[in-house]
Amino acid sequence: MRYVIKTPGGTVEYDVPIMKVQEYTLEDIFSKGLLLLIPFYIFSHEENFKVYNSNEQRLTELKAEYRSILERLDKLEQEGIIGAFDKRTIIELSGDVIREIAQKYENVQKGIGGMMSGALLETEARTILNRGKDEGRNQTKKETALRMLQDGELPIDKIAKYSGLVIKEVEELAKLGTV
């Protein structure tokens, strides 16, 4: 597409590449590595939302297609082609698009939107990882507070404020003198 800007000082022209997402099949998206188009793939079904919403068989077919997308993303993650963050981003964006464009179609929302948000359930490994990160941050806060206590220049309320701990935790550190 050629974009032309006319100003009193002259004309500027730009060629702007345009991609028509609705012309891409799922096979095209996966084979060409255009995974960030997946959230917008649902637009290719938008004209049939009314049918999907009232026809359980057709909705089941749509759900199967999205189940296939999730399985393919899982496989790409397992093969190391995409990371967990990329996969999660694609799934979250897909869910956002579905929620937005299928607002009037409750069954489509529940069927596909529920599937996409269900794919984001916290795994036990992720929970453990997050707990470890939280414990590490808390340990760092305690170490920071202890150094401030050893320096002896700040009152306990300021140490609590600057370290992110509560006053009681700083008082306990002051008594113990260790982390």
N, C-alpha and C. Protein backbone atom coordinates (compact mmCIF):
# COMPACT_ATOMS: atom_id res chain seq x y z
N MET A 1 0.85 -1.16 0.00
CA MET A 1 0.00 0.00 0.00
C MET A 1 0.90 1.23 0.00
N ARG A 2 0.55 2.19 -0.77
CA ARG A 2 1.31 3.43 -0.83
C ARG A 2 0.59 4.47 0.02
N TYR A 3 1.34 5.05 0.96
CA TYR A 3 0.80 6.06 1.85
C TYR A 3 1.38 7.40 1.42
N VAL A 4 0.52 8.39 1.11
CA VAL A 4 0.97 9.69 0.61
C VAL A 4 0.56 10.77 1.60
N ILE A 5 1.54 11.58 1.98
CA ILE A 5 1.29 12.71 2.87
C ILE A 5 1.62 13.99 2.10
N LYS A 6 0.59 14.83 1.93
CA LYS A 6 0.79 16.10 1.23
C LYS A 6 0.80 17.22 2.26
N THR A 7 1.86 17.99 2.25
CA THR A 7 1.99 19.14 3.15
C THR A 7 2.30 20.37 2.32
N PRO A 8 2.18 21.56 2.92
CA PRO A 8 2.53 22.78 2.16
C PRO A 8 3.98 22.77 1.68
N GLY A 9 4.84 22.00 2.39
CA GLY A 9 6.25 21.96 2.02
C GLY A 9 6.59 20.88 1.01
N GLY A 10 5.61 20.06 0.63
CA GLY A 10 5.88 19.01 -0.35
C GLY A 10 5.11 17.74 -0.03
N THR A 11 5.42 16.72 -0.77
CA THR A 11 4.72 15.44 -0.64
C THR A 11 5.73 14.36 -0.25
N VAL A 12 5.31 13.52 0.65
CA VAL A 12 6.13 12.39 1.09
C VAL A 12 5.31 11.13 0.84
N GLU A 13 5.96 10.10 0.28
CA GLU A 13 5.28 8.84 0.00
C GLU A 13 6.02 7.69 0.66
N TYR A 14 5.25 6.77 1.20
CA TYR A 14 5.81 5.58 1.83
C TYR A 14 5.09 4.35 1.30
N ASP A 15 5.85 3.29 1.10
CA ASP A 15 5.24 1.99 0.81
C ASP A 15 5.11 1.28 2.15
N VAL A 16 3.90 0.88 2.47
CA VAL A 16 3.62 0.22 3.75
C VAL A 16 3.16 -1.21 3.47
N PRO A 17 3.94 -2.20 3.95
CA PRO A 17 3.50 -3.58 3.73
C PRO A 17 2.26 -3.88 4.58
N ILE A 18 1.31 -4.55 4.01
CA ILE A 18 0.08 -4.88 4.71
C ILE A 18 -0.11 -6.39 4.66
N MET A 19 -0.51 -6.93 5.78
CA MET A 19 -0.74 -8.37 5.88
C MET A 19 -2.22 -8.57 6.16
N LYS A 20 -2.90 -9.33 5.33
CA LYS A 20 -4.31 -9.62 5.54
C LYS A 20 -4.40 -10.91 6.33
N VAL A 21 -4.58 -10.76 7.63
CA VAL A 21 -4.56 -11.88 8.55
C VAL A 21 -5.62 -12.91 8.20
N GLN A 22 -6.80 -12.47 7.79
CA GLN A 22 -7.88 -13.42 7.53
C GLN A 22 -7.59 -14.35 6.36
N GLU A 23 -6.61 -14.03 5.56
CA GLU A 23 -6.26 -14.89 4.43
C GLU A 23 -5.30 -16.01 4.84
N TYR A 24 -4.77 -15.96 6.07
CA TYR A 24 -3.85 -16.98 6.54
C TYR A 24 -4.63 -18.12 7.19
N THR A 25 -4.30 -19.33 6.79
CA THR A 25 -4.86 -20.51 7.46
C THR A 25 -4.00 -20.81 8.68
N LEU A 26 -4.49 -21.70 9.52
CA LEU A 26 -3.68 -22.13 10.67
C LEU A 26 -2.38 -22.76 10.19
N GLU A 27 -2.45 -23.53 9.13
CA GLU A 27 -1.24 -24.15 8.58
C GLU A 27 -0.24 -23.08 8.16
N ASP A 28 -0.73 -22.02 7.50
CA ASP A 28 0.15 -20.92 7.09
C ASP A 28 0.82 -20.30 8.31
N ILE A 29 0.02 -20.03 9.33
CA ILE A 29 0.52 -19.37 10.54
C ILE A 29 1.62 -20.21 11.19
N PHE A 30 1.38 -21.51 11.34
CA PHE A 30 2.37 -22.36 11.99
C PHE A 30 3.57 -22.62 11.09
N SER A 31 3.34 -22.87 9.81
CA SER A 31 4.47 -23.21 8.93
C SER A 31 5.39 -22.02 8.68
N LYS A 32 4.83 -20.81 8.70
CA LYS A 32 5.64 -19.62 8.46
C LYS A 32 6.15 -19.00 9.77
N GLY A 33 5.80 -19.62 10.89
CA GLY A 33 6.26 -19.11 12.19
C GLY A 33 5.63 -17.78 12.57
N LEU A 34 4.43 -17.53 12.09
CA LEU A 34 3.73 -16.27 12.38
C LEU A 34 2.81 -16.43 13.59
N LEU A 35 3.36 -16.97 14.66
CA LEU A 35 2.56 -17.36 15.82
C LEU A 35 1.83 -16.20 16.48
N LEU A 36 2.36 -15.00 16.36
CA LEU A 36 1.66 -13.87 16.98
C LEU A 36 0.40 -13.48 16.21
N LEU A 37 0.13 -14.15 15.10
CA LEU A 37 -1.14 -13.94 14.40
C LEU A 37 -2.25 -14.83 14.97
N ILE A 38 -1.89 -15.80 15.78
CA ILE A 38 -2.88 -16.72 16.34
C ILE A 38 -4.00 -15.98 17.07
N PRO A 39 -3.71 -14.97 17.91
CA PRO A 39 -4.82 -14.28 18.57
C PRO A 39 -5.84 -13.69 17.59
N PHE A 40 -5.39 -13.35 16.40
CA PHE A 40 -6.27 -12.71 15.44
C PHE A 40 -6.92 -13.71 14.49
N TYR A 41 -6.51 -14.95 14.59
CA TYR A 41 -7.08 -16.00 13.75
C TYR A 41 -8.59 -16.13 13.98
N ILE A 42 -9.03 -15.87 15.20
CA ILE A 42 -10.46 -16.00 15.53
C ILE A 42 -11.31 -15.08 14.65
N PHE A 43 -10.74 -14.01 14.11
CA PHE A 43 -11.50 -13.12 13.23
C PHE A 43 -11.99 -13.86 11.99
N SER A 44 -11.27 -14.89 11.58
CA SER A 44 -11.70 -15.65 10.40
C SER A 44 -13.00 -16.41 10.68
N HIS A 45 -13.36 -16.57 11.94
CA HIS A 45 -14.59 -17.27 12.33
C HIS A 45 -15.70 -16.31 12.74
N GLU A 46 -15.41 -15.04 12.83
CA GLU A 46 -16.35 -14.09 13.42
C GLU A 46 -17.72 -14.10 12.74
N GLU A 47 -17.74 -14.22 11.43
CA GLU A 47 -19.03 -14.20 10.73
C GLU A 47 -19.90 -15.41 11.07
N ASN A 48 -19.30 -16.46 11.65
CA ASN A 48 -20.06 -17.66 12.02
C ASN A 48 -20.39 -17.75 13.51
N PHE A 49 -20.07 -16.73 14.28
CA PHE A 49 -20.31 -16.79 15.72
C PHE A 49 -21.77 -17.11 16.05
N LYS A 50 -22.69 -16.54 15.31
CA LYS A 50 -24.11 -16.77 15.58
C LYS A 50 -24.43 -18.27 15.43
N VAL A 51 -23.87 -18.88 14.39
CA VAL A 51 -24.08 -20.32 14.16
C VAL A 51 -23.44 -21.12 15.28
N TYR A 52 -22.18 -20.82 15.61
CA TYR A 52 -21.48 -21.55 16.68
C TYR A 52 -22.23 -21.43 17.99
N ASN A 53 -22.78 -20.26 18.24
CA ASN A 53 -23.46 -20.00 19.51
C ASN A 53 -24.72 -20.85 19.66
N SER A 54 -25.39 -21.16 18.55
CA SER A 54 -26.66 -21.89 18.63
C SER A 54 -26.55 -23.35 18.17
N ASN A 55 -25.41 -23.76 17.62
CA ASN A 55 -25.26 -25.11 17.09
C ASN A 55 -24.10 -25.80 17.82
N GLU A 56 -24.45 -26.72 18.69
CA GLU A 56 -23.46 -27.39 19.54
C GLU A 56 -22.41 -28.13 18.71
N GLN A 57 -22.83 -28.77 17.61
CA GLN A 57 -21.90 -29.51 16.75
C GLN A 57 -20.84 -28.57 16.17
N ARG A 58 -21.27 -27.43 15.66
CA ARG A 58 -20.34 -26.47 15.06
C ARG A 58 -19.42 -25.87 16.13
N LEU A 59 -19.96 -25.63 17.31
CA LEU A 59 -19.14 -25.12 18.41
C LEU A 59 -18.10 -26.16 18.81
N THR A 60 -18.48 -27.41 18.81
CA THR A 60 -17.54 -28.49 19.14
C THR A 60 -16.40 -28.53 18.13
N GLU A 61 -16.71 -28.30 16.85
CA GLU A 61 -15.67 -28.27 15.82
C GLU A 61 -14.71 -27.10 16.05
N LEU A 62 -15.26 -25.94 16.42
CA LEU A 62 -14.42 -24.78 16.70
C LEU A 62 -13.53 -25.04 17.91
N LYS A 63 -14.11 -25.65 18.94
CA LYS A 63 -13.33 -25.98 20.14
C LYS A 63 -12.20 -26.95 19.80
N ALA A 64 -12.48 -27.90 18.93
CA ALA A 64 -11.45 -28.87 18.53
C ALA A 64 -10.30 -28.15 17.82
N GLU A 65 -10.64 -27.16 17.01
CA GLU A 65 -9.60 -26.40 16.32
C GLU A 65 -8.72 -25.64 17.32
N TYR A 66 -9.34 -25.05 18.33
CA TYR A 66 -8.56 -24.32 19.33
C TYR A 66 -7.80 -25.27 20.25
N ARG A 67 -8.34 -26.45 20.50
CA ARG A 67 -7.60 -27.45 21.26
C ARG A 67 -6.34 -27.84 20.49
N SER A 68 -6.49 -27.96 19.18
CA SER A 68 -5.35 -28.28 18.32
C SER A 68 -4.29 -27.17 18.38
N ILE A 69 -4.73 -25.93 18.40
CA ILE A 69 -3.79 -24.80 18.51
C ILE A 69 -3.01 -24.92 19.81
N LEU A 70 -3.71 -25.18 20.91
CA LEU A 70 -3.02 -25.30 22.21
C LEU A 70 -2.04 -26.46 22.20
N GLU A 71 -2.43 -27.57 21.61
CA GLU A 71 -1.52 -28.73 21.54
C GLU A 71 -0.29 -28.41 20.70
N ARG A 72 -0.47 -27.70 19.61
CA ARG A 72 0.66 -27.35 18.76
C ARG A 72 1.59 -26.38 19.47
N LEU A 73 1.02 -25.44 20.23
CA LEU A 73 1.85 -24.52 21.01
C LEU A 73 2.63 -25.28 22.08
N ASP A 74 1.95 -26.23 22.74
CA ASP A 74 2.64 -27.06 23.74
C ASP A 74 3.82 -27.79 23.11
N LYS A 75 3.60 -28.36 21.94
CA LYS A 75 4.65 -29.12 21.25
C LYS A 75 5.82 -28.20 20.89
N LEU A 76 5.53 -27.01 20.40
CA LEU A 76 6.59 -26.06 20.06
C LEU A 76 7.39 -25.66 21.30
N GLU A 77 6.69 -25.54 22.43
CA GLU A 77 7.39 -25.21 23.68
C GLU A 77 8.28 -26.38 24.11
N GLN A 78 7.76 -27.58 24.04
CA GLN A 78 8.53 -28.76 24.43
C GLN A 78 9.76 -28.95 23.55
N GLU A 79 9.64 -28.58 22.28
CA GLU A 79 10.77 -28.71 21.35
C GLU A 79 11.75 -27.54 21.49
N GLY A 80 11.42 -26.56 22.33
CA GLY A 80 12.30 -25.43 22.54
C GLY A 80 12.24 -24.38 21.43
N ILE A 81 11.23 -24.47 20.58
CA ILE A 81 11.09 -23.51 19.48
C ILE A 81 10.53 -22.19 20.00
N ILE A 82 9.62 -22.28 20.96
CA ILE A 82 9.13 -21.08 21.64
C ILE A 82 9.29 -21.29 23.13
N GLY A 83 9.35 -20.21 23.85
CA GLY A 83 9.46 -20.29 25.31
C GLY A 83 8.10 -20.24 25.97
N ALA A 84 8.08 -20.54 27.25
CA ALA A 84 6.83 -20.53 28.01
C ALA A 84 6.20 -19.14 28.00
N PHE A 85 7.03 -18.10 28.07
CA PHE A 85 6.51 -16.74 28.06
C PHE A 85 5.80 -16.43 26.75
N ASP A 86 6.42 -16.81 25.62
CA ASP A 86 5.81 -16.57 24.31
C ASP A 86 4.48 -17.31 24.19
N LYS A 87 4.49 -18.56 24.61
CA LYS A 87 3.27 -19.36 24.54
C LYS A 87 2.17 -18.73 25.38
N ARG A 88 2.52 -18.35 26.58
CA ARG A 88 1.53 -17.75 27.49
C ARG A 88 1.00 -16.44 26.91
N THR A 89 1.87 -15.64 26.31
CA THR A 89 1.46 -14.37 25.71
C THR A 89 0.46 -14.62 24.58
N ILE A 90 0.76 -15.57 23.73
CA ILE A 90 -0.13 -15.90 22.60
C ILE A 90 -1.50 -16.33 23.13
N ILE A 91 -1.50 -17.17 24.15
CA ILE A 91 -2.75 -17.68 24.71
C ILE A 91 -3.54 -16.55 25.38
N GLU A 92 -2.85 -15.70 26.16
CA GLU A 92 -3.54 -14.59 26.82
C GLU A 92 -4.13 -13.62 25.81
N LEU A 93 -3.36 -13.29 24.78
CA LEU A 93 -3.87 -12.37 23.76
C LEU A 93 -5.04 -12.99 23.02
N SER A 94 -4.97 -14.29 22.75
CA SER A 94 -6.09 -14.98 22.09
C SER A 94 -7.35 -14.88 22.94
N GLY A 95 -7.20 -15.13 24.22
CA GLY A 95 -8.34 -15.02 25.14
C GLY A 95 -8.91 -13.62 25.16
N ASP A 96 -8.03 -12.61 25.16
CA ASP A 96 -8.48 -11.20 25.15
C ASP A 96 -9.28 -10.90 23.89
N VAL A 97 -8.78 -11.34 22.74
CA VAL A 97 -9.47 -11.08 21.47
C VAL A 97 -10.83 -11.77 21.46
N ILE A 98 -10.86 -13.01 21.90
CA ILE A 98 -12.13 -13.76 21.93
C ILE A 98 -13.13 -13.07 22.84
N ARG A 99 -12.71 -12.68 24.04
CA ARG A 99 -13.61 -11.98 24.96
C ARG A 99 -14.17 -10.71 24.34
N GLU A 100 -13.33 -10.01 23.62
CA GLU A 100 -13.73 -8.73 23.03
C GLU A 100 -14.69 -8.91 21.86
N ILE A 101 -14.39 -9.79 20.92
CA ILE A 101 -15.21 -9.85 19.71
C ILE A 101 -16.40 -10.82 19.82
N ALA A 102 -16.41 -11.66 20.85
CA ALA A 102 -17.52 -12.60 21.00
C ALA A 102 -18.40 -12.23 22.19
N GLN A 103 -18.45 -10.97 22.53
CA GLN A 103 -19.20 -10.52 23.70
C GLN A 103 -20.68 -10.93 23.65
N LYS A 104 -21.28 -10.91 22.48
CA LYS A 104 -22.71 -11.19 22.34
C LYS A 104 -23.01 -12.68 22.25
N TYR A 105 -21.98 -13.51 22.26
CA TYR A 105 -22.17 -14.95 22.02
C TYR A 105 -21.66 -15.74 23.22
N GLU A 106 -22.55 -15.97 24.16
CA GLU A 106 -22.17 -16.58 25.43
C GLU A 106 -21.54 -17.97 25.27
N ASN A 107 -22.09 -18.80 24.40
CA ASN A 107 -21.56 -20.15 24.23
C ASN A 107 -20.16 -20.12 23.62
N VAL A 108 -19.93 -19.21 22.68
CA VAL A 108 -18.60 -19.06 22.08
C VAL A 108 -17.63 -18.59 23.15
N GLN A 109 -18.07 -17.61 23.96
CA GLN A 109 -17.24 -17.09 25.05
C GLN A 109 -16.83 -18.22 26.00
N LYS A 110 -17.82 -18.98 26.44
CA LYS A 110 -17.54 -20.07 27.39
C LYS A 110 -16.68 -21.15 26.75
N GLY A 111 -17.03 -21.52 25.52
CA GLY A 111 -16.33 -22.62 24.86
C GLY A 111 -14.89 -22.32 24.52
N ILE A 112 -14.67 -21.26 23.77
CA ILE A 112 -13.32 -20.94 23.31
C ILE A 112 -12.59 -20.08 24.34
N GLY A 113 -13.26 -19.06 24.85
CA GLY A 113 -12.63 -18.19 25.85
C GLY A 113 -12.23 -18.97 27.08
N GLY A 114 -13.12 -19.89 27.52
CA GLY A 114 -12.82 -20.72 28.68
C GLY A 114 -11.65 -21.63 28.43
N MET A 115 -11.56 -22.14 27.21
CA MET A 115 -10.45 -23.02 26.84
C MET A 115 -9.12 -22.26 26.90
N MET A 116 -9.12 -21.04 26.40
CA MET A 116 -7.88 -20.27 26.37
C MET A 116 -7.47 -19.85 27.78
N SER A 117 -8.42 -19.47 28.62
CA SER A 117 -8.03 -19.09 29.98
C SER A 117 -7.69 -20.32 30.80
N GLY A 118 -8.33 -21.45 30.50
CA GLY A 118 -8.01 -22.70 31.20
C GLY A 118 -6.58 -23.14 30.94
N ALA A 119 -6.05 -22.77 29.77
CA ALA A 119 -4.68 -23.15 29.42
C ALA A 119 -3.65 -22.42 30.27
N LEU A 120 -4.11 -21.39 30.99
CA LEU A 120 -3.17 -20.59 31.77
C LEU A 120 -3.15 -20.97 33.24
N LEU A 121 -3.82 -22.07 33.60
CA LEU A 121 -3.82 -22.47 34.99
C LEU A 121 -2.39 -22.62 35.49
N GLU A 122 -2.20 -22.20 36.70
CA GLU A 122 -0.87 -22.24 37.31
C GLU A 122 -0.43 -23.68 37.52
N THR A 123 0.70 -24.03 37.03
CA THR A 123 1.21 -25.38 37.25
C THR A 123 1.92 -25.42 38.60
N GLU A 124 2.07 -26.61 39.14
CA GLU A 124 2.76 -26.76 40.42
C GLU A 124 4.19 -26.24 40.33
N ALA A 125 4.85 -26.52 39.21
CA ALA A 125 6.24 -26.07 39.04
C ALA A 125 6.30 -24.54 39.05
N ARG A 126 5.34 -23.90 38.38
CA ARG A 126 5.33 -22.44 38.34
C ARG A 126 5.06 -21.87 39.73
N THR A 127 4.18 -22.53 40.47
CA THR A 127 3.87 -22.10 41.84
C THR A 127 5.12 -22.17 42.71
N ILE A 128 5.84 -23.28 42.61
CA ILE A 128 7.07 -23.45 43.39
C ILE A 128 8.10 -22.39 43.00
N LEU A 129 8.24 -22.17 41.69
CA LEU A 129 9.17 -21.15 41.21
C LEU A 129 8.82 -19.78 41.78
N ASN A 130 7.55 -19.41 41.72
CA ASN A 130 7.13 -18.11 42.23
C ASN A 130 7.33 -18.00 43.73
N ARG A 131 7.07 -19.09 44.45
CA ARG A 131 7.29 -19.08 45.90
C ARG A 131 8.77 -18.87 46.20
N GLY A 132 9.63 -19.54 45.43
CA GLY A 132 11.08 -19.38 45.61
C GLY A 132 11.52 -17.95 45.34
N LYS A 133 10.97 -17.35 44.31
CA LYS A 133 11.30 -15.95 44.00
C LYS A 133 10.88 -15.03 45.14
N ASP A 134 9.67 -15.27 45.68
CA ASP A 134 9.19 -14.45 46.80
C ASP A 134 10.09 -14.60 48.02
N GLU A 135 10.49 -15.84 48.31
CA GLU A 135 11.38 -16.07 49.45
C GLU A 135 12.73 -15.41 49.24
N GLY A 136 13.23 -15.44 48.02
CA GLY A 136 14.50 -14.78 47.70
C GLY A 136 14.40 -13.27 47.89
N ARG A 137 13.29 -12.69 47.44
CA ARG A 137 13.10 -11.24 47.62
C ARG A 137 13.03 -10.89 49.09
N ASN A 138 12.31 -11.73 49.87
CA ASN A 138 12.18 -11.46 51.30
C ASN A 138 13.54 -11.57 51.99
N GLN A 139 14.36 -12.54 51.59
CA GLN A 139 15.69 -12.70 52.16
C GLN A 139 16.54 -11.46 51.87
N THR A 140 16.45 -10.95 50.64
CA THR A 140 17.20 -9.76 50.26
C THR A 140 16.76 -8.56 51.09
N LYS A 141 15.46 -8.45 51.33
CA LYS A 141 14.94 -7.35 52.15
C LYS A 141 15.52 -7.43 53.56
N LYS A 142 15.56 -8.66 54.10
CA LYS A 142 16.10 -8.83 55.46
C LYS A 142 17.58 -8.50 55.51
N GLU A 143 18.32 -8.92 54.49
CA GLU A 143 19.75 -8.61 54.45
C GLU A 143 19.98 -7.11 54.38
N THR A 144 19.17 -6.42 53.59
CA THR A 144 19.28 -4.96 53.47
C THR A 144 18.98 -4.31 54.81
N ALA A 145 17.91 -4.75 55.45
CA ALA A 145 17.54 -4.18 56.76
C ALA A 145 18.63 -4.44 57.79
N LEU A 146 19.22 -5.62 57.78
CA LEU A 146 20.27 -5.95 58.73
C LEU A 146 21.49 -5.04 58.54
N ARG A 147 21.86 -4.80 57.29
CA ARG A 147 22.99 -3.88 57.04
C ARG A 147 22.67 -2.48 57.56
N MET A 148 21.44 -2.05 57.37
CA MET A 148 21.06 -0.72 57.88
C MET A 148 21.09 -0.69 59.40
N LEU A 149 20.63 -1.78 60.01
CA LEU A 149 20.66 -1.86 61.48
C LEU A 149 22.10 -1.81 61.99
N GLN A 150 22.99 -2.54 61.31
CA GLN A 150 24.39 -2.57 61.73
C GLN A 150 25.05 -1.21 61.55
N ASP A 151 24.61 -0.48 60.55
CA ASP A 151 25.13 0.87 60.33
C ASP A 151 24.73 1.79 61.48
N GLY A 152 23.53 1.57 62.04
CA GLY A 152 23.08 2.29 63.22
C GLY A 152 22.67 3.74 63.02
N GLU A 153 22.49 4.18 61.81
CA GLU A 153 22.15 5.58 61.59
C GLU A 153 20.67 5.85 61.41
N LEU A 154 19.88 4.82 61.10
CA LEU A 154 18.46 5.02 60.83
C LEU A 154 17.59 4.40 61.91
N PRO A 155 16.46 5.05 62.21
CA PRO A 155 15.52 4.44 63.16
C PRO A 155 14.80 3.25 62.50
N ILE A 156 14.24 2.39 63.32
CA ILE A 156 13.60 1.16 62.85
C ILE A 156 12.48 1.44 61.84
N ASP A 157 11.67 2.48 62.07
CA ASP A 157 10.56 2.75 61.14
C ASP A 157 11.07 3.11 59.74
N LYS A 158 12.19 3.83 59.68
CA LYS A 158 12.76 4.18 58.38
C LYS A 158 13.36 2.94 57.70
N ILE A 159 14.01 2.10 58.48
CA ILE A 159 14.58 0.86 57.93
C ILE A 159 13.47 0.00 57.36
N ALA A 160 12.36 -0.09 58.09
CA ALA A 160 11.21 -0.88 57.60
C ALA A 160 10.70 -0.28 56.29
N LYS A 161 10.58 1.01 56.26
CA LYS A 161 10.07 1.69 55.06
C LYS A 161 11.00 1.46 53.87
N TYR A 162 12.29 1.63 54.05
CA TYR A 162 13.24 1.53 52.95
C TYR A 162 13.50 0.09 52.50
N SER A 163 13.37 -0.86 53.43
CA SER A 163 13.66 -2.25 53.07
C SER A 163 12.43 -2.99 52.56
N GLY A 164 11.25 -2.44 52.85
CA GLY A 164 10.02 -3.12 52.42
C GLY A 164 9.52 -4.14 53.44
N LEU A 165 10.10 -4.15 54.61
CA LEU A 165 9.65 -5.03 55.68
C LEU A 165 8.70 -4.28 56.60
N VAL A 166 7.99 -5.02 57.44
CA VAL A 166 7.15 -4.36 58.45
C VAL A 166 8.01 -4.12 59.68
N ILE A 167 7.60 -3.16 60.49
CA ILE A 167 8.39 -2.76 61.66
C ILE A 167 8.69 -3.95 62.57
N LYS A 168 7.71 -4.82 62.79
CA LYS A 168 7.91 -5.98 63.66
C LYS A 168 9.06 -6.86 63.16
N GLU A 169 9.14 -7.07 61.84
CA GLU A 169 10.23 -7.89 61.28
C GLU A 169 11.59 -7.23 61.53
N VAL A 170 11.65 -5.91 61.39
CA VAL A 170 12.91 -5.20 61.62
C VAL A 170 13.29 -5.28 63.09
N GLU A 171 12.31 -5.16 63.97
CA GLU A 171 12.58 -5.28 65.41
C GLU A 171 13.13 -6.66 65.76
N GLU A 172 12.56 -7.71 65.14
CA GLU A 172 13.06 -9.07 65.38
C GLU A 172 14.49 -9.23 64.87
N LEU A 173 14.78 -8.63 63.70
CA LEU A 173 16.15 -8.67 63.18
C LEU A 173 17.11 -7.95 64.12
N ALA A 174 16.65 -6.83 64.66
CA ALA A 174 17.51 -6.05 65.58
C ALA A 174 17.85 -6.89 66.82
N LYS A 175 16.88 -7.67 67.32
CA LYS A 175 17.10 -8.51 68.49
C LYS A 175 18.06 -9.65 68.15
N LEU A 176 17.83 -10.28 67.00
CA LEU A 176 18.63 -11.44 66.61
C LEU A 176 20.02 -11.04 66.09
N GLY A 177 20.04 -9.95 65.35
CA GLY A 177 21.29 -9.49 64.76
C GLY A 177 21.73 -10.33 63.56
N THR A 178 20.86 -11.23 63.10
CA THR A 178 21.16 -12.06 61.92
C THR A 178 19.92 -12.18 61.06
N VAL A 179 20.17 -12.67 59.82
CA VAL A 179 19.06 -12.91 58.89
C VAL A 179 18.65 -14.30 59.09
